[in-house]
Amino acid sequence: MIIEFIKQHEVLLIWLTSVSIVTFFGTIAFIPVLLIRMSPDYFLSENRVPLRKRHHFFARLCLLIIKNIAGALFLIAGFVMLFIPGQGLLTILIGISLLNFPGKRKLERKLILHPKVLPVINSIRQKAGKAPLIL
């Protein structure tokens, strides 16, 4: 029965395996870069002025669209990584930080306070010579 399923869905299984491998190694490479570049007071300041406010309207719109698409992709990949190898919670946190929606800050703080998330983030930042996140 399982062998029949594998034979019938061989192409799908190859694609899923490929996506799993790419997301696993992609997050290992990309998430630390984002965490290192994050300001230590990111979770403190409520009324930050985004850098995109300094750009032309069309550039802001393009940046906003690209940022939200990337956030959605990270969110989906993080959810998938809860079930396959990868850094699921960290990827979800990155995805949420890239998206724009009401209640975002509250959700980010809830995720960052998860006992497994903050120590990992601060460990990555410490290895890069950056200050730990201030909550």
N, C-alpha and C. Protein backbone atom coordinates (compact mmCIF):
# COMPACT_ATOMS: atom_id res chain seq x y z
N MET A 1 0.82 -1.19 0.00
CA MET A 1 0.00 0.00 0.00
C MET A 1 0.87 1.26 0.00
N ILE A 2 1.86 1.31 0.86
CA ILE A 2 2.74 2.48 0.92
C ILE A 2 3.59 2.54 -0.35
N ILE A 3 4.04 1.39 -0.81
CA ILE A 3 4.86 1.36 -2.03
C ILE A 3 4.04 1.83 -3.22
N GLU A 4 2.78 1.46 -3.28
CA GLU A 4 1.90 1.91 -4.36
C GLU A 4 1.73 3.43 -4.32
N PHE A 5 1.55 3.96 -3.11
CA PHE A 5 1.40 5.40 -2.94
C PHE A 5 2.65 6.13 -3.42
N ILE A 6 3.81 5.60 -3.07
CA ILE A 6 5.08 6.20 -3.47
C ILE A 6 5.22 6.17 -4.99
N LYS A 7 4.88 5.06 -5.60
CA LYS A 7 4.98 4.94 -7.06
C LYS A 7 4.01 5.90 -7.76
N GLN A 8 2.81 6.07 -7.20
CA GLN A 8 1.81 6.94 -7.82
C GLN A 8 2.14 8.42 -7.65
N HIS A 9 2.82 8.77 -6.58
CA HIS A 9 3.09 10.17 -6.27
C HIS A 9 4.59 10.47 -6.22
N GLU A 10 5.35 9.79 -7.05
CA GLU A 10 6.80 9.93 -7.02
C GLU A 10 7.26 11.37 -7.28
N VAL A 11 6.68 12.03 -8.27
CA VAL A 11 7.08 13.40 -8.60
C VAL A 11 6.75 14.34 -7.44
N LEU A 12 5.57 14.20 -6.85
CA LEU A 12 5.17 15.03 -5.72
C LEU A 12 6.13 14.84 -4.54
N LEU A 13 6.47 13.61 -4.26
CA LEU A 13 7.39 13.33 -3.15
C LEU A 13 8.78 13.90 -3.40
N ILE A 14 9.22 13.86 -4.65
CA ILE A 14 10.52 14.44 -4.99
C ILE A 14 10.48 15.95 -4.78
N TRP A 15 9.39 16.60 -5.21
CA TRP A 15 9.25 18.05 -5.01
C TRP A 15 9.20 18.40 -3.53
N LEU A 16 8.42 17.66 -2.75
CA LEU A 16 8.33 17.94 -1.31
C LEU A 16 9.67 17.75 -0.62
N THR A 17 10.40 16.73 -1.01
CA THR A 17 11.73 16.50 -0.44
C THR A 17 12.67 17.65 -0.81
N SER A 18 12.61 18.08 -2.06
CA SER A 18 13.45 19.19 -2.51
C SER A 18 13.13 20.48 -1.76
N VAL A 19 11.85 20.78 -1.61
CA VAL A 19 11.43 21.98 -0.87
C VAL A 19 11.89 21.89 0.57
N SER A 20 11.77 20.72 1.17
CA SER A 20 12.20 20.54 2.55
C SER A 20 13.69 20.80 2.71
N ILE A 21 14.48 20.27 1.80
CA ILE A 21 15.93 20.45 1.87
C ILE A 21 16.31 21.92 1.66
N VAL A 22 15.70 22.56 0.67
CA VAL A 22 16.00 23.97 0.38
C VAL A 22 15.60 24.86 1.55
N THR A 23 14.41 24.66 2.12
CA THR A 23 13.99 25.49 3.25
C THR A 23 14.85 25.24 4.47
N PHE A 24 15.24 24.00 4.70
CA PHE A 24 16.10 23.69 5.84
C PHE A 24 17.42 24.45 5.76
N PHE A 25 18.11 24.30 4.62
CA PHE A 25 19.41 24.96 4.49
C PHE A 25 19.27 26.47 4.28
N GLY A 26 18.19 26.89 3.64
CA GLY A 26 17.95 28.32 3.46
C GLY A 26 17.76 29.03 4.78
N THR A 27 17.00 28.42 5.68
CA THR A 27 16.78 29.06 6.97
C THR A 27 18.03 29.03 7.84
N ILE A 28 18.80 27.97 7.71
CA ILE A 28 20.06 27.92 8.47
C ILE A 28 20.98 29.05 8.04
N ALA A 29 20.95 29.40 6.76
CA ALA A 29 21.82 30.46 6.25
C ALA A 29 21.24 31.85 6.44
N PHE A 30 19.93 32.01 6.25
CA PHE A 30 19.32 33.34 6.16
C PHE A 30 18.83 33.88 7.51
N ILE A 31 18.28 33.04 8.35
CA ILE A 31 17.72 33.52 9.62
C ILE A 31 18.77 34.16 10.52
N PRO A 32 19.95 33.57 10.68
CA PRO A 32 20.95 34.25 11.52
C PRO A 32 21.29 35.65 11.02
N VAL A 33 21.33 35.84 9.71
CA VAL A 33 21.63 37.17 9.15
C VAL A 33 20.56 38.17 9.59
N LEU A 34 19.30 37.78 9.49
CA LEU A 34 18.22 38.67 9.91
C LEU A 34 18.26 38.96 11.40
N LEU A 35 18.53 37.93 12.20
CA LEU A 35 18.57 38.12 13.66
C LEU A 35 19.74 39.00 14.09
N ILE A 36 20.85 38.90 13.39
CA ILE A 36 22.03 39.71 13.72
C ILE A 36 21.78 41.17 13.34
N ARG A 37 21.09 41.40 12.23
CA ARG A 37 20.84 42.77 11.77
C ARG A 37 19.74 43.46 12.57
N MET A 38 18.95 42.71 13.33
CA MET A 38 17.85 43.27 14.12
C MET A 38 18.39 44.16 15.23
N SER A 39 17.77 45.30 15.40
CA SER A 39 18.17 46.23 16.45
C SER A 39 17.90 45.60 17.82
N PRO A 40 18.80 45.78 18.79
CA PRO A 40 18.58 45.18 20.12
C PRO A 40 17.30 45.67 20.79
N ASP A 41 16.87 46.89 20.46
CA ASP A 41 15.66 47.42 21.08
C ASP A 41 14.41 47.26 20.19
N TYR A 42 14.47 46.36 19.24
CA TYR A 42 13.35 46.16 18.30
C TYR A 42 12.04 45.90 19.03
N PHE A 43 12.07 45.14 20.11
CA PHE A 43 10.84 44.79 20.82
C PHE A 43 10.45 45.81 21.89
N LEU A 44 11.26 46.84 22.06
CA LEU A 44 10.94 47.89 23.03
C LEU A 44 10.20 49.06 22.41
N SER A 45 10.70 49.51 21.29
CA SER A 45 10.17 50.74 20.70
C SER A 45 8.85 50.48 19.98
N GLU A 46 7.79 51.11 20.47
CA GLU A 46 6.45 50.96 19.90
C GLU A 46 6.25 51.85 18.68
N ASN A 47 6.81 53.03 18.71
CA ASN A 47 6.53 54.02 17.67
C ASN A 47 7.74 54.28 16.79
N ARG A 48 8.35 53.22 16.32
CA ARG A 48 9.50 53.38 15.44
C ARG A 48 9.05 53.92 14.09
N VAL A 49 9.87 54.76 13.47
CA VAL A 49 9.58 55.25 12.14
C VAL A 49 10.31 54.34 11.16
N PRO A 50 9.57 53.59 10.36
CA PRO A 50 10.23 52.66 9.43
C PRO A 50 11.10 53.40 8.43
N LEU A 51 12.18 52.74 8.02
CA LEU A 51 13.09 53.34 7.04
C LEU A 51 12.39 53.61 5.72
N ARG A 52 11.37 52.82 5.40
CA ARG A 52 10.70 52.99 4.11
C ARG A 52 9.96 54.32 4.01
N LYS A 53 9.73 55.02 5.11
CA LYS A 53 9.04 56.32 5.07
C LYS A 53 9.91 57.38 4.39
N ARG A 54 11.19 57.11 4.27
CA ARG A 54 12.10 58.07 3.67
C ARG A 54 12.15 57.96 2.14
N HIS A 55 11.51 56.95 1.57
CA HIS A 55 11.58 56.70 0.13
C HIS A 55 10.36 57.27 -0.60
N HIS A 56 10.47 57.31 -1.90
CA HIS A 56 9.38 57.73 -2.78
C HIS A 56 8.20 56.76 -2.64
N PHE A 57 6.97 57.24 -2.92
CA PHE A 57 5.77 56.44 -2.74
C PHE A 57 5.84 55.10 -3.48
N PHE A 58 6.25 55.13 -4.76
CA PHE A 58 6.31 53.90 -5.54
C PHE A 58 7.33 52.93 -4.95
N ALA A 59 8.47 53.44 -4.52
CA ALA A 59 9.49 52.60 -3.90
C ALA A 59 8.97 52.00 -2.60
N ARG A 60 8.24 52.81 -1.80
CA ARG A 60 7.64 52.31 -0.55
C ARG A 60 6.65 51.20 -0.84
N LEU A 61 5.82 51.41 -1.86
CA LEU A 61 4.80 50.41 -2.20
C LEU A 61 5.46 49.11 -2.64
N CYS A 62 6.47 49.19 -3.48
CA CYS A 62 7.18 47.98 -3.92
C CYS A 62 7.85 47.28 -2.74
N LEU A 63 8.49 48.06 -1.88
CA LEU A 63 9.15 47.50 -0.70
C LEU A 63 8.13 46.82 0.21
N LEU A 64 6.99 47.45 0.41
CA LEU A 64 5.94 46.88 1.26
C LEU A 64 5.43 45.56 0.69
N ILE A 65 5.20 45.51 -0.61
CA ILE A 65 4.71 44.29 -1.25
C ILE A 65 5.74 43.17 -1.15
N ILE A 66 6.99 43.49 -1.46
CA ILE A 66 8.06 42.49 -1.39
C ILE A 66 8.25 41.98 0.04
N LYS A 67 8.22 42.91 0.99
CA LYS A 67 8.40 42.54 2.40
C LYS A 67 7.28 41.63 2.87
N ASN A 68 6.04 41.92 2.50
CA ASN A 68 4.92 41.09 2.93
C ASN A 68 4.90 39.73 2.23
N ILE A 69 5.32 39.68 0.98
CA ILE A 69 5.42 38.39 0.30
C ILE A 69 6.50 37.54 0.97
N ALA A 70 7.65 38.15 1.26
CA ALA A 70 8.71 37.42 1.96
C ALA A 70 8.24 36.95 3.33
N GLY A 71 7.51 37.82 4.04
CA GLY A 71 6.99 37.44 5.35
C GLY A 71 6.03 36.27 5.27
N ALA A 72 5.16 36.27 4.26
CA ALA A 72 4.22 35.17 4.08
C ALA A 72 4.97 33.87 3.77
N LEU A 73 6.00 33.96 2.93
CA LEU A 73 6.79 32.76 2.61
C LEU A 73 7.50 32.22 3.85
N PHE A 74 8.07 33.12 4.66
CA PHE A 74 8.72 32.67 5.89
C PHE A 74 7.71 32.06 6.85
N LEU A 75 6.54 32.65 6.94
CA LEU A 75 5.50 32.13 7.83
C LEU A 75 5.09 30.72 7.40
N ILE A 76 4.86 30.53 6.12
CA ILE A 76 4.47 29.20 5.61
C ILE A 76 5.61 28.21 5.83
N ALA A 77 6.84 28.63 5.50
CA ALA A 77 7.98 27.73 5.68
C ALA A 77 8.17 27.37 7.15
N GLY A 78 7.97 28.34 8.04
CA GLY A 78 8.09 28.06 9.48
C GLY A 78 7.05 27.08 9.96
N PHE A 79 5.83 27.23 9.46
CA PHE A 79 4.78 26.29 9.83
C PHE A 79 5.12 24.89 9.34
N VAL A 80 5.62 24.79 8.12
CA VAL A 80 6.02 23.48 7.59
C VAL A 80 7.15 22.89 8.42
N MET A 81 8.08 23.76 8.85
CA MET A 81 9.23 23.29 9.62
C MET A 81 8.87 22.85 11.04
N LEU A 82 7.66 23.09 11.46
CA LEU A 82 7.23 22.52 12.73
C LEU A 82 7.08 21.01 12.61
N PHE A 83 6.93 20.52 11.37
CA PHE A 83 6.72 19.10 11.13
C PHE A 83 7.89 18.42 10.44
N ILE A 84 8.78 19.19 9.83
CA ILE A 84 9.96 18.65 9.18
C ILE A 84 11.18 19.30 9.84
N PRO A 85 12.38 18.82 9.55
CA PRO A 85 13.56 19.44 10.15
C PRO A 85 13.69 20.91 9.77
N GLY A 86 14.02 21.72 10.74
CA GLY A 86 14.21 23.15 10.51
C GLY A 86 13.94 23.94 11.76
N GLN A 87 14.13 25.23 11.67
CA GLN A 87 13.95 26.13 12.81
C GLN A 87 12.57 26.78 12.70
N GLY A 88 11.54 26.01 12.98
CA GLY A 88 10.17 26.44 12.76
C GLY A 88 9.77 27.70 13.50
N LEU A 89 9.98 27.74 14.82
CA LEU A 89 9.55 28.91 15.60
C LEU A 89 10.31 30.17 15.21
N LEU A 90 11.60 30.04 14.98
CA LEU A 90 12.38 31.21 14.56
C LEU A 90 11.94 31.71 13.19
N THR A 91 11.64 30.78 12.29
CA THR A 91 11.20 31.16 10.96
C THR A 91 9.84 31.84 11.01
N ILE A 92 8.96 31.34 11.85
CA ILE A 92 7.64 31.97 12.03
C ILE A 92 7.82 33.38 12.59
N LEU A 93 8.71 33.55 13.56
CA LEU A 93 8.96 34.87 14.14
C LEU A 93 9.48 35.85 13.08
N ILE A 94 10.40 35.40 12.23
CA ILE A 94 10.91 36.25 11.16
C ILE A 94 9.78 36.60 10.20
N GLY A 95 8.97 35.62 9.84
CA GLY A 95 7.84 35.88 8.94
C GLY A 95 6.88 36.90 9.50
N ILE A 96 6.54 36.76 10.75
CA ILE A 96 5.62 37.70 11.39
C ILE A 96 6.23 39.10 11.46
N SER A 97 7.54 39.18 11.73
CA SER A 97 8.17 40.50 11.82
C SER A 97 8.20 41.20 10.46
N LEU A 98 8.15 40.45 9.37
CA LEU A 98 8.14 41.06 8.04
C LEU A 98 6.75 41.47 7.59
N LEU A 99 5.72 40.82 8.11
CA LEU A 99 4.34 41.12 7.70
C LEU A 99 3.83 42.39 8.37
N ASN A 100 2.82 43.00 7.76
CA ASN A 100 2.14 44.15 8.34
C ASN A 100 0.69 43.76 8.61
N PHE A 101 0.29 43.77 9.86
CA PHE A 101 -1.09 43.49 10.23
C PHE A 101 -1.35 44.00 11.64
N PRO A 102 -2.62 44.27 11.97
CA PRO A 102 -2.94 44.76 13.31
C PRO A 102 -2.61 43.71 14.37
N GLY A 103 -2.05 44.13 15.48
CA GLY A 103 -1.72 43.22 16.58
C GLY A 103 -0.39 42.50 16.39
N LYS A 104 0.38 42.95 15.42
CA LYS A 104 1.66 42.31 15.12
C LYS A 104 2.63 42.35 16.30
N ARG A 105 2.76 43.51 16.92
CA ARG A 105 3.73 43.67 18.02
C ARG A 105 3.40 42.74 19.19
N LYS A 106 2.12 42.63 19.50
CA LYS A 106 1.70 41.77 20.61
C LYS A 106 2.05 40.31 20.32
N LEU A 107 1.80 39.87 19.10
CA LEU A 107 2.11 38.49 18.71
C LEU A 107 3.62 38.25 18.70
N GLU A 108 4.38 39.22 18.21
CA GLU A 108 5.84 39.09 18.21
C GLU A 108 6.38 38.93 19.63
N ARG A 109 5.89 39.73 20.53
CA ARG A 109 6.35 39.66 21.92
C ARG A 109 6.01 38.31 22.54
N LYS A 110 4.82 37.80 22.21
CA LYS A 110 4.41 36.49 22.74
C LYS A 110 5.35 35.40 22.24
N LEU A 111 5.70 35.46 20.95
CA LEU A 111 6.61 34.46 20.39
C LEU A 111 8.02 34.59 20.95
N ILE A 112 8.50 35.82 21.09
CA ILE A 112 9.87 36.02 21.56
C ILE A 112 10.03 35.58 23.01
N LEU A 113 8.96 35.61 23.77
CA LEU A 113 9.02 35.21 25.17
C LEU A 113 8.92 33.69 25.35
N HIS A 114 8.74 32.96 24.26
CA HIS A 114 8.72 31.49 24.35
C HIS A 114 10.09 31.05 24.87
N PRO A 115 10.12 30.14 25.84
CA PRO A 115 11.39 29.78 26.48
C PRO A 115 12.46 29.24 25.54
N LYS A 116 12.07 28.70 24.39
CA LYS A 116 13.06 28.15 23.47
C LYS A 116 13.54 29.16 22.43
N VAL A 117 12.88 30.29 22.31
CA VAL A 117 13.20 31.22 21.23
C VAL A 117 14.24 32.25 21.64
N LEU A 118 14.00 33.00 22.70
CA LEU A 118 14.90 34.09 23.09
C LEU A 118 16.34 33.62 23.37
N PRO A 119 16.56 32.53 24.11
CA PRO A 119 17.95 32.11 24.32
C PRO A 119 18.68 31.76 23.02
N VAL A 120 17.98 31.17 22.06
CA VAL A 120 18.61 30.83 20.78
C VAL A 120 18.97 32.10 20.03
N ILE A 121 18.06 33.05 19.99
CA ILE A 121 18.32 34.31 19.29
C ILE A 121 19.50 35.04 19.92
N ASN A 122 19.51 35.16 21.23
CA ASN A 122 20.60 35.86 21.91
C ASN A 122 21.93 35.13 21.75
N SER A 123 21.89 33.81 21.66
CA SER A 123 23.11 33.03 21.43
C SER A 123 23.67 33.34 20.04
N ILE A 124 22.80 33.39 19.04
CA ILE A 124 23.23 33.72 17.68
C ILE A 124 23.82 35.12 17.64
N ARG A 125 23.16 36.06 18.31
CA ARG A 125 23.63 37.45 18.33
C ARG A 125 24.97 37.56 19.06
N GLN A 126 25.13 36.81 20.15
CA GLN A 126 26.37 36.86 20.92
C GLN A 126 27.55 36.35 20.09
N LYS A 127 27.33 35.25 19.33
CA LYS A 127 28.40 34.72 18.49
C LYS A 127 28.83 35.71 17.41
N ALA A 128 27.92 36.59 17.01
CA ALA A 128 28.23 37.59 15.99
C ALA A 128 28.76 38.89 16.61
N GLY A 129 28.89 38.91 17.93
CA GLY A 129 29.39 40.10 18.61
C GLY A 129 28.34 41.20 18.75
N LYS A 130 27.08 40.86 18.71
CA LYS A 130 25.99 41.83 18.84
C LYS A 130 25.39 41.74 20.24
N ALA A 131 24.79 42.84 20.67
CA ALA A 131 24.16 42.90 21.98
C ALA A 131 22.90 42.02 21.98
N PRO A 132 22.54 41.43 23.13
CA PRO A 132 21.31 40.63 23.19
C PRO A 132 20.08 41.52 23.02
N LEU A 133 18.99 40.89 22.64
CA LEU A 133 17.74 41.64 22.50
C LEU A 133 17.27 42.12 23.86
N ILE A 134 16.77 43.33 23.91
CA ILE A 134 16.26 43.92 25.15
C ILE A 134 14.75 43.83 25.12
N LEU A 135 14.20 43.22 26.14
CA LEU A 135 12.75 43.13 26.22
C LEU A 135 12.30 44.06 27.29
